[in-house]
Each structure stands twice: as C-alpha cells, then as structure tokens.
Amino acid sequence: MNSSTHRNEMPVTNNHQLKEGNRTGDLAGEINLQGERVQELLERIEALPYPGAKELIHECMEAVLAFYGLGLNRILEVVNEAGPEGHKVYRDLIHDDVIKGLLLIHDLHPLDLEARLRDALDKVRPYLKSHGGNVELIGLENAVAKLRLQGTCKSCASSSVTLELAIRHAIEQACPDLVHFEVEGIVQDEGLPGASPVSRPTTADWTVIENAQRLAEGDWMPVRVREMRLVICKVNETFYAYRNRCPACNMPFDAGTLEGDFLACSLGHRYDLRHAGRCAEIPSAHLDPFPLLAQEGIVKVALSRKVADATAETMSRSS
C-alpha cells in the first residue's frame, strides 16, 4: 500500500488519564491500581504504633486470603472436572493475566516458574524477531533466570533498550515470583546514558494508542505521546512503533510513504520496518524502535527514561 498523503499527527492520552477516564476496559490496569492501593494500606498498617492491632489485622488478612483461596481452588476443580469444554475453560483461566496473578497469590497456579517463564518468552519472541532479535533461557536457579539475547539488534543501544522493556513486561506479567533475571549478549555502549544490563530495573509508561487497532494492512499513522513523536505502522499483520524522524535527513515521516515493508521519508530514504528499521540506502542508519504490545484489540507503546536517553544519544551522534 502506497500512502503518500500528508498525515496529521494525533495526540495520545496517557495511561493516567485513561485510568481516570473511560479506562478502555483494561482490567489488568484496574488490578494493578487495586494492588497499589493494597500495598499503600499495608504500609499504613505497618506504621501504626499499636503492635497488638497490627497483629490482629495481619491475622484477619491471612484468614480472608485463605477463605478466598479455598473458593478459587474449588472453582478450578469444578471447571477441570467438567469434561472437554471445562478443560478449555481451565486452560483459559490459568493463562489469563489477571486470574494468573490471583492464583499465584494463593499458590494455586498449576504451572511452575520455569513453565511460566518459557511461556512468557514465547509470547514476546515474535516481537523480538520483528526487530531482528531473539531470546533464549539458558538457566534458572533459586528463582534467578539467565537469558541470552540473540540477533543483530543486540549491538544497537536503542534497540537493546526496547527489547529490555518488552522482555521485562512479559516476565513481570507471567512471573511476579521471579526474584531476578540477567541477560547475556547485549553490547554495552559506555557513552550511552541508560545503557545497562536488562537485570537493572527499568520503569516503563505504557500508553494506549487510540485508533491504532483500526489501521489497515500496510497503513500507518503519526502520533505524539507526551513530547515524543512516533509512527505506528501495520505490516504483515504486525504493529510497529518507531520514532517519527528520519535519521538521514532529520525530517519527520508525516509526508512520507509506506510501500511493502519500507517506510520512506519525503526525500526517499527507506527503512525496513520488519528488520529493526534498517536504512536501505545508508547501512549505518536505522530507526529508533519503541516497545509495542497489541493485546485484545488494544495497541500500546512504552516510553521510559532509558529509551528517551538512547534515542537522544542516537540523534546527537547522527547530527
């Protein structure tokens, strides 16, 4: 599809506004908010100057958790004993992100840590491959995982940060009981702010991109997330998010074209969206990717301080 018409940039509502507004049906976000509220209340309880009251509250909470744990366990038993259709519902329940977290709290999830970790990596692997990379689990001991990043993207600082966020998001959803994970294979750039091992915590702000799910095959749209200008593209039924800037001429893609796998600026510099945004004319140039997840009809991208630092450094080096 050749889309050469100038595109108007769309502002994007951030996660906080979405949560306070229509919330877009993001139940996982609702659960996270409730979890934060519970944590806040627990901290307030710990600050109480009455040891007896704290002990009584803790005992009450443990009793409530045990009560609901018995109920959840019985629900799983009933569903699992309901024949083939029940088995399907059972599988859907244990793989649902929200229910999975509840089952883990009550120590009821039937899959062990390694199985859930491998499942999480399998889910994120297509996204990694779309950016020229892959990930391998090479060890798991005492709830500490060792991963190996593969592919050409590991040598690019901004791509490495992008893959870090995608891997971390997948693991945090599936394995909240994982103590720590380390990644081999990332080539560090000591001059790049924020270039650190994946095991170092990274804060990501996932933002829903409204109307992105309506993009037709081979179409694209420019958006602005806070102060960051991005392009969202759909190629081969896969969504991609890149910085809205041509590294070769420092121009936005608003008047550019998308033909096949290649996004081109108005001056004709072409970038392969399916291969980490590599430039066809200038091998050393590449687009700056951003983590993107498309789940249940919702498309969202992640911004972090590390991504912003990485892309800013790339810009300064190319200018």
Protein backbone atom coordinates (compact mmCIF):
# COMPACT_ATOMS: atom_id res chain seq x y z
CA MET A 1 0.00 0.00 0.00
CA ASN A 2 1.42 3.40 -1.01
CA SER A 3 0.33 6.12 1.40
CA SER A 4 1.82 9.43 0.29
CA THR A 5 -0.79 11.82 1.70
CA HIS A 6 0.48 14.11 4.45
CA ARG A 7 -0.55 12.68 7.81
CA ASN A 8 -1.77 14.84 10.67
CA GLU A 9 -0.22 13.91 13.99
CA MET A 10 -2.62 12.63 16.65
CA PRO A 11 -2.11 13.43 20.34
CA VAL A 12 -2.32 10.38 22.58
CA THR A 13 -3.91 10.19 26.02
CA ASN A 14 -1.55 8.86 28.66
CA ASN A 15 -2.24 5.94 30.98
CA HIS A 16 -3.15 8.08 33.98
CA GLN A 17 -5.82 9.96 32.04
CA LEU A 18 -7.18 6.71 30.66
CA LYS A 19 -7.46 5.22 34.13
CA GLU A 20 -9.30 8.29 35.39
CA GLY A 21 -11.49 8.48 32.28
CA ASN A 22 -13.02 5.64 30.33
CA ARG A 23 -10.21 3.21 31.32
CA THR A 24 -10.58 1.49 27.89
CA GLY A 25 -11.62 -1.76 29.53
CA ASP A 26 -8.07 -2.50 30.67
CA LEU A 27 -8.84 -4.89 33.53
CA ALA A 28 -5.17 -5.59 34.13
CA GLY A 29 -4.67 -1.88 34.77
CA GLU A 30 -7.56 -1.93 37.23
CA ILE A 31 -6.00 -4.84 39.08
CA ASN A 32 -2.66 -3.03 39.24
CA LEU A 33 -4.34 0.03 40.71
CA GLN A 34 -6.03 -2.10 43.36
CA GLY A 35 -2.73 -3.82 44.09
CA GLU A 36 -1.05 -0.45 44.60
CA ARG A 37 -3.88 0.54 46.94
CA VAL A 38 -3.45 -2.65 48.98
CA GLN A 39 0.29 -2.02 49.23
CA GLU A 40 -0.36 1.54 50.39
CA LEU A 41 -2.77 0.31 53.09
CA LEU A 42 -0.27 -2.32 54.25
CA GLU A 43 2.39 0.36 54.66
CA ARG A 44 -0.02 2.45 56.72
CA ILE A 45 -0.80 -0.59 58.88
CA GLU A 46 2.91 -1.20 59.47
CA ALA A 47 3.25 2.41 60.62
CA LEU A 48 0.62 2.00 63.35
CA PRO A 49 2.04 2.40 66.89
CA TYR A 50 -0.09 -0.46 68.21
CA PRO A 51 1.62 -3.89 67.88
CA GLY A 52 -1.47 -5.76 69.04
CA ALA A 53 -3.67 -4.07 66.44
CA LYS A 54 -1.16 -4.81 63.66
CA GLU A 55 -1.02 -8.48 64.59
CA LEU A 56 -4.81 -8.71 64.63
CA ILE A 57 -5.08 -7.03 61.20
CA HIS A 58 -2.46 -9.37 59.75
CA GLU A 59 -4.25 -12.40 61.16
CA CYS A 60 -7.54 -11.18 59.71
CA MET A 61 -5.95 -10.66 56.27
CA GLU A 62 -4.43 -14.13 56.29
CA ALA A 63 -7.81 -15.62 57.19
CA VAL A 64 -9.52 -13.70 54.36
CA LEU A 65 -6.86 -14.83 51.87
CA ALA A 66 -7.22 -18.45 52.98
CA PHE A 67 -11.02 -18.19 52.70
CA TYR A 68 -10.92 -16.90 49.12
CA GLY A 69 -8.09 -19.29 48.27
CA LEU A 70 -10.32 -22.24 49.14
CA GLY A 71 -13.03 -20.80 46.91
CA LEU A 72 -10.65 -20.28 43.97
CA ASN A 73 -9.31 -23.80 44.35
CA ARG A 74 -12.82 -25.24 44.29
CA ILE A 75 -13.68 -23.23 41.16
CA LEU A 76 -10.65 -24.71 39.38
CA GLU A 77 -11.63 -28.23 40.47
CA VAL A 78 -15.20 -27.85 39.23
CA VAL A 79 -14.12 -26.44 35.87
CA ASN A 80 -11.38 -29.02 35.35
CA GLU A 81 -13.82 -31.86 36.07
CA ALA A 82 -16.42 -30.59 33.56
CA GLY A 83 -15.23 -32.53 30.51
CA PRO A 84 -13.54 -31.24 27.33
CA GLU A 85 -15.23 -27.83 27.39
CA GLY A 86 -14.33 -27.46 31.05
CA HIS A 87 -10.71 -28.31 30.27
CA LYS A 88 -10.64 -25.50 27.69
CA VAL A 89 -12.04 -23.02 30.21
CA TYR A 90 -9.49 -24.28 32.76
CA ARG A 91 -6.61 -23.59 30.33
CA ASP A 92 -8.01 -20.15 29.57
CA LEU A 93 -8.23 -19.36 33.28
CA ILE A 94 -4.68 -20.35 34.18
CA HIS A 95 -3.27 -18.35 31.24
CA ASP A 96 -5.37 -15.22 31.84
CA ASP A 97 -3.05 -12.45 33.08
CA VAL A 98 -5.43 -11.20 35.76
CA ILE A 99 -6.52 -14.61 37.09
CA LYS A 100 -2.94 -15.87 36.89
CA GLY A 101 -1.89 -13.24 39.42
CA LEU A 102 -4.65 -14.25 41.84
CA LEU A 103 -3.72 -17.91 41.54
CA LEU A 104 -0.07 -17.13 42.25
CA ILE A 105 -1.01 -15.15 45.37
CA HIS A 106 -2.83 -18.21 46.70
CA ASP A 107 -0.14 -20.65 45.47
CA LEU A 108 -2.72 -22.35 43.24
CA HIS A 109 -1.20 -21.94 39.78
CA PRO A 110 -0.57 -25.39 38.27
CA LEU A 111 2.41 -24.26 36.16
CA ASP A 112 5.79 -23.94 37.85
CA LEU A 113 8.05 -20.91 37.46
CA GLU A 114 10.09 -22.32 34.58
CA ALA A 115 6.99 -23.22 32.55
CA ARG A 116 5.53 -19.76 33.03
CA LEU A 117 8.86 -18.11 32.18
CA ARG A 118 9.19 -20.09 28.95
CA ASP A 119 5.60 -19.24 28.07
CA ALA A 120 6.30 -15.53 28.64
CA LEU A 121 9.37 -15.64 26.40
CA ASP A 122 7.39 -17.47 23.70
CA LYS A 123 4.78 -14.71 23.75
CA VAL A 124 7.32 -11.92 23.34
CA ARG A 125 9.52 -13.81 20.85
CA PRO A 126 7.58 -12.75 17.69
CA TYR A 127 8.04 -9.12 18.69
CA LEU A 128 11.76 -9.62 19.29
CA LYS A 129 12.13 -11.34 15.91
CA SER A 130 10.37 -8.43 14.23
CA HIS A 131 13.27 -6.28 15.46
CA GLY A 132 15.95 -8.74 14.36
CA GLY A 133 16.41 -10.39 17.74
CA ASN A 134 15.52 -13.40 19.86
CA VAL A 135 15.90 -14.53 23.46
CA GLU A 136 16.92 -17.85 24.99
CA LEU A 137 16.54 -19.16 28.53
CA ILE A 138 19.93 -20.63 29.49
CA GLY A 139 19.42 -21.18 33.21
CA LEU A 140 17.03 -20.89 36.16
CA GLU A 141 18.20 -21.46 39.72
CA ASN A 142 16.81 -20.20 43.04
CA ALA A 143 14.21 -18.08 41.18
CA VAL A 144 17.00 -16.26 39.28
CA ALA A 145 16.90 -16.58 35.48
CA LYS A 146 19.73 -16.19 32.98
CA LEU A 147 18.73 -15.21 29.45
CA ARG A 148 20.71 -14.71 26.26
CA LEU A 149 19.77 -12.06 23.71
CA GLN A 150 20.42 -13.07 20.11
CA GLY A 151 20.36 -11.29 16.77
CA THR A 152 21.79 -8.17 15.17
CA CYS A 153 19.69 -5.78 17.28
CA LYS A 154 21.73 -6.56 20.41
CA SER A 155 24.54 -4.31 19.14
CA CYS A 156 22.23 -1.29 18.81
CA ALA A 157 21.78 0.60 22.07
CA SER A 158 18.26 1.91 21.41
CA SER A 159 17.09 -1.49 20.14
CA SER A 160 18.57 -3.19 23.19
CA VAL A 161 16.66 -0.86 25.50
CA THR A 162 13.48 -1.51 23.52
CA LEU A 163 13.90 -5.28 23.80
CA GLU A 164 14.68 -4.90 27.50
CA LEU A 165 11.30 -3.28 28.10
CA ALA A 166 9.44 -5.88 26.05
CA ILE A 167 11.14 -8.80 27.85
CA ARG A 168 10.67 -7.24 31.27
CA HIS A 169 6.98 -6.54 30.66
CA ALA A 170 6.32 -10.12 29.58
CA ILE A 171 8.20 -11.60 32.54
CA GLU A 172 6.63 -9.31 35.12
CA GLN A 173 3.16 -10.29 33.92
CA ALA A 174 3.79 -14.04 33.95
CA CYS A 175 6.38 -14.44 36.73
CA PRO A 176 5.93 -11.99 39.61
CA ASP A 177 7.65 -14.59 41.80
CA LEU A 178 10.89 -14.41 39.78
CA VAL A 179 13.49 -12.79 42.04
CA HIS A 180 15.86 -11.53 39.35
CA PHE A 181 16.95 -12.07 35.77
CA GLU A 182 20.12 -11.33 33.84
CA VAL A 183 20.68 -11.12 30.10
CA GLU A 184 23.80 -12.04 28.16
CA GLY A 185 24.54 -10.78 24.68
CA ILE A 186 23.84 -7.05 24.97
CA VAL A 187 26.73 -4.97 23.68
CA GLN A 188 27.03 -2.05 26.09
CA ASP A 189 27.91 1.45 24.99
CA GLU A 190 29.64 3.12 27.92
CA GLY A 191 28.98 6.54 26.45
CA LEU A 192 25.24 5.95 26.24
CA PRO A 193 23.14 7.12 29.18
CA GLY A 194 20.94 4.35 30.47
CA ALA A 195 22.78 1.54 28.70
CA SER A 196 22.75 -1.09 31.42
CA PRO A 197 22.10 -4.81 31.83
CA VAL A 198 18.50 -5.89 31.45
CA SER A 199 18.53 -7.07 35.05
CA ARG A 200 18.60 -3.45 36.20
CA PRO A 201 15.07 -2.14 36.92
CA THR A 202 13.52 -0.03 34.19
CA THR A 203 10.34 2.00 34.58
CA ALA A 204 8.08 2.00 31.54
CA ASP A 205 4.98 4.08 30.94
CA TRP A 206 2.67 2.05 28.71
CA THR A 207 0.31 4.28 26.76
CA VAL A 208 -2.71 3.18 24.74
CA ILE A 209 -2.65 4.40 21.11
CA GLU A 210 -6.25 5.12 20.26
CA ASN A 211 -7.44 4.11 16.76
CA ALA A 212 -4.21 2.20 16.06
CA GLN A 213 -6.13 -1.09 16.11
CA ARG A 214 -8.16 0.22 13.14
CA LEU A 215 -5.12 0.56 10.90
CA ALA A 216 -5.49 -1.42 7.68
CA GLU A 217 -2.73 -3.72 6.44
CA GLY A 218 0.08 -1.58 5.00
CA ASP A 219 -1.13 1.61 6.67
CA TRP A 220 0.50 3.90 9.22
CA MET A 221 -0.18 6.92 11.42
CA PRO A 222 1.92 9.59 13.17
CA VAL A 223 1.16 10.17 16.87
CA ARG A 224 2.54 12.22 19.72
CA VAL A 225 2.94 10.61 23.15
CA ARG A 226 3.69 13.46 25.54
CA GLU A 227 6.70 15.10 23.87
CA MET A 228 7.72 12.05 21.83
CA ARG A 229 6.73 11.87 18.15
CA LEU A 230 6.15 8.32 16.88
CA VAL A 231 4.87 6.49 13.82
CA ILE A 232 2.67 3.42 14.24
CA CYS A 233 2.74 1.05 11.26
CA LYS A 234 0.98 -2.20 10.41
CA VAL A 235 2.89 -4.57 8.14
CA ASN A 236 2.18 -8.27 7.62
CA GLU A 237 -0.49 -8.11 10.37
CA THR A 238 2.11 -6.88 12.88
CA PHE A 239 2.24 -3.45 14.53
CA TYR A 240 5.49 -1.49 14.80
CA ALA A 241 6.34 1.73 16.65
CA TYR A 242 9.29 3.91 15.68
CA ARG A 243 10.42 7.44 16.38
CA ASN A 244 8.93 9.83 13.83
CA ARG A 245 12.24 11.03 12.49
CA CYS A 246 14.40 10.08 9.52
CA PRO A 247 17.98 9.67 10.85
CA ALA A 248 19.41 10.52 7.44
CA CYS A 249 17.75 13.90 6.91
CA ASN A 250 16.32 14.65 10.37
CA MET A 251 12.82 15.11 8.91
CA PRO A 252 9.55 13.59 10.19
CA PHE A 253 7.73 10.98 8.12
CA ASP A 254 4.47 12.96 8.02
CA ALA A 255 4.74 13.44 4.24
CA GLY A 256 6.40 10.06 3.63
CA THR A 257 5.17 6.80 2.12
CA LEU A 258 4.80 3.18 3.19
CA GLU A 259 5.38 0.64 0.41
CA GLY A 260 5.59 -3.01 1.36
CA ASP A 261 7.94 -3.35 4.34
CA PHE A 262 9.62 0.03 3.78
CA LEU A 263 8.74 3.39 5.32
CA ALA A 264 10.25 6.26 3.32
CA CYS A 265 10.71 9.93 4.18
CA SER A 266 9.82 12.71 1.73
CA LEU A 267 13.42 12.67 0.41
CA GLY A 268 13.31 8.95 -0.37
CA HIS A 269 15.31 7.37 2.45
CA ARG A 270 13.73 3.92 3.02
CA TYR A 271 13.66 1.93 6.25
CA ASP A 272 12.86 -1.77 6.63
CA LEU A 273 10.20 -1.92 9.34
CA ARG A 274 10.40 -5.69 9.77
CA HIS A 275 14.17 -5.70 10.28
CA ALA A 276 14.80 -3.24 13.10
CA GLY A 277 14.23 -0.18 10.90
CA ARG A 278 17.48 -0.54 8.93
CA CYS A 279 18.02 2.00 6.16
CA ALA A 280 18.24 0.56 2.64
CA GLU A 281 20.45 3.39 1.34
CA ILE A 282 22.66 4.04 4.39
CA PRO A 283 23.51 0.77 6.26
CA SER A 284 24.68 2.62 9.38
CA ALA A 285 21.34 4.43 9.79
CA HIS A 286 18.31 2.88 11.48
CA LEU A 287 15.05 3.99 13.04
CA ASP A 288 14.66 4.14 16.81
CA PRO A 289 12.15 1.45 17.87
CA PHE A 290 9.75 1.53 20.81
CA PRO A 291 8.18 -1.45 22.61
CA LEU A 292 4.65 -2.10 21.35
CA LEU A 293 2.05 -4.60 22.52
CA ALA A 294 -1.18 -5.46 20.73
CA GLN A 295 -3.50 -7.42 23.01
CA GLU A 296 -7.27 -7.90 22.97
CA GLY A 297 -7.81 -5.12 20.44
CA ILE A 298 -5.67 -2.59 22.32
CA VAL A 299 -2.37 -1.23 20.98
CA LYS A 300 0.00 0.39 23.46
CA VAL A 301 3.60 1.58 23.43
CA ALA A 302 6.11 2.02 26.24
CA LEU A 303 8.18 5.07 26.97
CA SER A 304 10.95 5.14 29.54
CA ARG A 305 13.77 7.42 30.55
CA LYS A 306 16.24 4.91 29.12
CA VAL A 307 14.54 4.88 25.72
CA ALA A 308 14.46 8.66 25.65
CA ASP A 309 18.15 8.84 26.56
CA ALA A 310 19.07 6.22 23.96
CA THR A 311 17.21 7.91 21.13
CA ALA A 312 18.55 11.32 22.13
CA GLU A 313 22.11 9.99 22.01
CA THR A 314 21.47 8.45 18.60
CA MET A 315 20.23 11.81 17.34
CA SER A 316 23.28 13.69 18.65
CA ARG A 317 25.68 11.23 17.06
CA SER A 318 23.98 11.40 13.66
CA SER A 319 23.85 15.21 13.58
